Amino acid sequence: MKKILLIVTIVFISLEMKAQFPGGGQQSGMRQPPPSIGHIYGKIIDDNGKAISDVSVVLLESRIDTTSRKTKDILLKVTATKNNGRFSFEELLIPGSLK
């Protein structure tokens, strides 16, 4: 009797594992591609074209607040320019890349 119960349990567990969609819930059977990753970079210069170091560069995203229906800015990332005035924001999720 114990062997029959064990076999039935194993069969049910194996059926449950096969019922799961591959790729975390997708029905197509294909894995979901990684989200699109963006990269923003630039250089801060003054009026004479000379690079400015240690400038704070802020990356904001404008979103509409669902309660007040007003646009508000959300802080995504902050960095400071290097000695040559350059800055870089890496590994940014591109809006609309996940569906």
C-alpha atoms as a PDB file:
ATOM      1  CA  MET A   1       0.000   0.000   0.000  1.00  0.00           C
ATOM      2  CA  LYS A   2       2.857   2.373   0.808  1.00  0.00           C
ATOM      3  CA  LYS A   3       4.436   1.718  -2.593  1.00  0.00           C
ATOM      4  CA  ILE A   4       1.187   2.529  -4.415  1.00  0.00           C
ATOM      5  CA  LEU A   5       0.806   5.761  -2.438  1.00  0.00           C
ATOM      6  CA  LEU A   6       4.407   6.696  -3.230  1.00  0.00           C
ATOM      7  CA  ILE A   7       3.945   6.011  -6.957  1.00  0.00           C
ATOM      8  CA  VAL A   8       0.707   8.022  -7.082  1.00  0.00           C
ATOM      9  CA  THR A   9       2.409  10.929  -5.287  1.00  0.00           C
ATOM     10  CA  ILE A  10       5.337  10.900  -7.704  1.00  0.00           C
ATOM     11  CA  VAL A  11       2.981  10.830 -10.696  1.00  0.00           C
ATOM     12  CA  PHE A  12       1.004  13.839  -9.388  1.00  0.00           C
ATOM     13  CA  ILE A  13       4.181  15.801  -8.659  1.00  0.00           C
ATOM     14  CA  SER A  14       5.558  15.110 -12.133  1.00  0.00           C
ATOM     15  CA  LEU A  15       2.267  16.212 -13.723  1.00  0.00           C
ATOM     16  CA  GLU A  16       2.362  19.448 -11.746  1.00  0.00           C
ATOM     17  CA  MET A  17       5.896  20.176 -12.931  1.00  0.00           C
ATOM     18  CA  LYS A  18       4.929  19.595 -16.565  1.00  0.00           C
ATOM     19  CA  ALA A  19       1.903  21.872 -16.192  1.00  0.00           C
ATOM     20  CA  GLN A  20       4.113  24.883 -15.488  1.00  0.00           C
ATOM     21  CA  PHE A  21       4.807  27.165 -18.428  1.00  0.00           C
ATOM     22  CA  PRO A  22       8.482  27.452 -19.317  1.00  0.00           C
ATOM     23  CA  GLY A  23      10.074  30.858 -18.908  1.00  0.00           C
ATOM     24  CA  GLY A  24       8.215  31.983 -15.810  1.00  0.00           C
ATOM     25  CA  GLY A  25       4.596  31.787 -16.853  1.00  0.00           C
ATOM     26  CA  GLN A  26       4.661  32.446 -20.582  1.00  0.00           C
ATOM     27  CA  GLN A  27       2.355  30.321 -22.645  1.00  0.00           C
ATOM     28  CA  SER A  28       4.426  30.435 -25.818  1.00  0.00           C
ATOM     29  CA  GLY A  29       6.982  27.992 -24.462  1.00  0.00           C
ATOM     30  CA  MET A  30       9.827  30.424 -25.147  1.00  0.00           C
ATOM     31  CA  ARG A  31      11.842  32.213 -22.523  1.00  0.00           C
ATOM     32  CA  GLN A  32      11.229  35.912 -22.083  1.00  0.00           C
ATOM     33  CA  PRO A  33      14.089  38.022 -23.459  1.00  0.00           C
ATOM     34  CA  PRO A  34      15.916  40.228 -20.979  1.00  0.00           C
ATOM     35  CA  PRO A  35      14.546  43.770 -20.680  1.00  0.00           C
ATOM     36  CA  SER A  36      16.031  46.370 -22.988  1.00  0.00           C
ATOM     37  CA  ILE A  37      18.844  48.176 -21.250  1.00  0.00           C
ATOM     38  CA  GLY A  38      19.655  51.791 -22.062  1.00  0.00           C
ATOM     39  CA  HIS A  39      22.757  53.908 -21.596  1.00  0.00           C
ATOM     40  CA  ILE A  40      22.855  57.702 -21.291  1.00  0.00           C
ATOM     41  CA  TYR A  41      26.164  59.517 -21.349  1.00  0.00           C
ATOM     42  CA  GLY A  42      27.433  63.008 -21.986  1.00  0.00           C
ATOM     43  CA  LYS A  43      29.862  65.780 -21.161  1.00  0.00           C
ATOM     44  CA  ILE A  44      29.260  69.012 -19.253  1.00  0.00           C
ATOM     45  CA  ILE A  45      31.142  72.039 -20.595  1.00  0.00           C
ATOM     46  CA  ASP A  46      31.087  75.760 -19.866  1.00  0.00           C
ATOM     47  CA  ASP A  47      30.590  78.619 -22.366  1.00  0.00           C
ATOM     48  CA  ASN A  48      34.236  78.388 -23.426  1.00  0.00           C
ATOM     49  CA  GLY A  49      34.031  74.650 -24.140  1.00  0.00           C
ATOM     50  CA  LYS A  50      36.071  73.724 -21.051  1.00  0.00           C
ATOM     51  CA  ALA A  51      34.975  70.571 -19.199  1.00  0.00           C
ATOM     52  CA  ILE A  52      33.440  71.071 -15.752  1.00  0.00           C
ATOM     53  CA  SER A  53      34.199  68.475 -13.093  1.00  0.00           C
ATOM     54  CA  ASP A  54      32.198  67.486 -10.001  1.00  0.00           C
ATOM     55  CA  VAL A  55      28.830  68.593 -11.404  1.00  0.00           C
ATOM     56  CA  SER A  56      25.812  66.679 -10.096  1.00  0.00           C
ATOM     57  CA  VAL A  57      23.803  65.097 -12.908  1.00  0.00           C
ATOM     58  CA  VAL A  58      20.315  63.912 -12.010  1.00  0.00           C
ATOM     59  CA  LEU A  59      18.162  61.528 -14.065  1.00  0.00           C
ATOM     60  CA  LEU A  60      14.429  62.017 -13.478  1.00  0.00           C
ATOM     61  CA  GLU A  61      11.367  60.285 -14.880  1.00  0.00           C
ATOM     62  CA  SER A  62       8.077  62.167 -15.191  1.00  0.00           C
ATOM     63  CA  ARG A  63       5.056  60.177 -14.064  1.00  0.00           C
ATOM     64  CA  ILE A  64       1.428  61.078 -13.585  1.00  0.00           C
ATOM     65  CA  ASP A  65       0.250  60.654 -10.001  1.00  0.00           C
ATOM     66  CA  THR A  66      -2.943  58.588 -10.115  1.00  0.00           C
ATOM     67  CA  THR A  67      -4.490  60.277  -7.073  1.00  0.00           C
ATOM     68  CA  SER A  68      -3.795  63.937  -7.832  1.00  0.00           C
ATOM     69  CA  ARG A  69      -3.550  63.509 -11.640  1.00  0.00           C
ATOM     70  CA  LYS A  70      -0.525  65.801 -11.654  1.00  0.00           C
ATOM     71  CA  THR A  71       2.861  65.131 -13.175  1.00  0.00           C
ATOM     72  CA  LYS A  72       5.628  64.471 -10.702  1.00  0.00           C
ATOM     73  CA  ASP A  73       9.303  63.700 -11.195  1.00  0.00           C
ATOM     74  CA  ILE A  74      10.755  60.473  -9.835  1.00  0.00           C
ATOM     75  CA  LEU A  75      14.488  60.293  -9.115  1.00  0.00           C
ATOM     76  CA  LEU A  76      16.070  57.400 -11.032  1.00  0.00           C
ATOM     77  CA  LYS A  77      19.822  57.940 -10.672  1.00  0.00           C
ATOM     78  CA  VAL A  78      22.378  60.554  -9.630  1.00  0.00           C
ATOM     79  CA  THR A  79      26.031  60.834 -10.565  1.00  0.00           C
ATOM     80  CA  ALA A  80      28.808  63.428 -10.688  1.00  0.00           C
ATOM     81  CA  THR A  81      30.961  64.356 -13.659  1.00  0.00           C
ATOM     82  CA  LYS A  82      34.561  63.189 -13.770  1.00  0.00           C
ATOM     83  CA  ASN A  83      37.562  65.513 -14.180  1.00  0.00           C
ATOM     84  CA  ASN A  84      36.987  65.566 -17.945  1.00  0.00           C
ATOM     85  CA  GLY A  85      33.316  66.576 -17.493  1.00  0.00           C
ATOM     86  CA  ARG A  86      31.941  63.225 -18.614  1.00  0.00           C
ATOM     87  CA  PHE A  87      29.091  61.326 -16.952  1.00  0.00           C
ATOM     88  CA  SER A  88      27.360  58.041 -17.643  1.00  0.00           C
ATOM     89  CA  PHE A  89      24.152  56.295 -16.574  1.00  0.00           C
ATOM     90  CA  GLU A  90      24.243  52.575 -17.361  1.00  0.00           C
ATOM     91  CA  GLU A  91      21.783  49.673 -17.126  1.00  0.00           C
ATOM     92  CA  LEU A  92      18.659  51.789 -17.520  1.00  0.00           C
ATOM     93  CA  LEU A  93      15.395  49.993 -18.150  1.00  0.00           C
ATOM     94  CA  ILE A  94      13.783  51.380 -21.293  1.00  0.00           C
ATOM     95  CA  PRO A  95      10.084  52.169 -20.669  1.00  0.00           C
ATOM     96  CA  GLY A  96       7.750  49.851 -22.526  1.00  0.00           C
ATOM     97  CA  SER A  97      10.386  47.140 -22.978  1.00  0.00           C
ATOM     98  CA  LEU A  98       8.583  44.717 -20.644  1.00  0.00           C
ATOM     99  CA  LYS A  99       5.266  43.325 -21.786  1.00  0.00           C
END
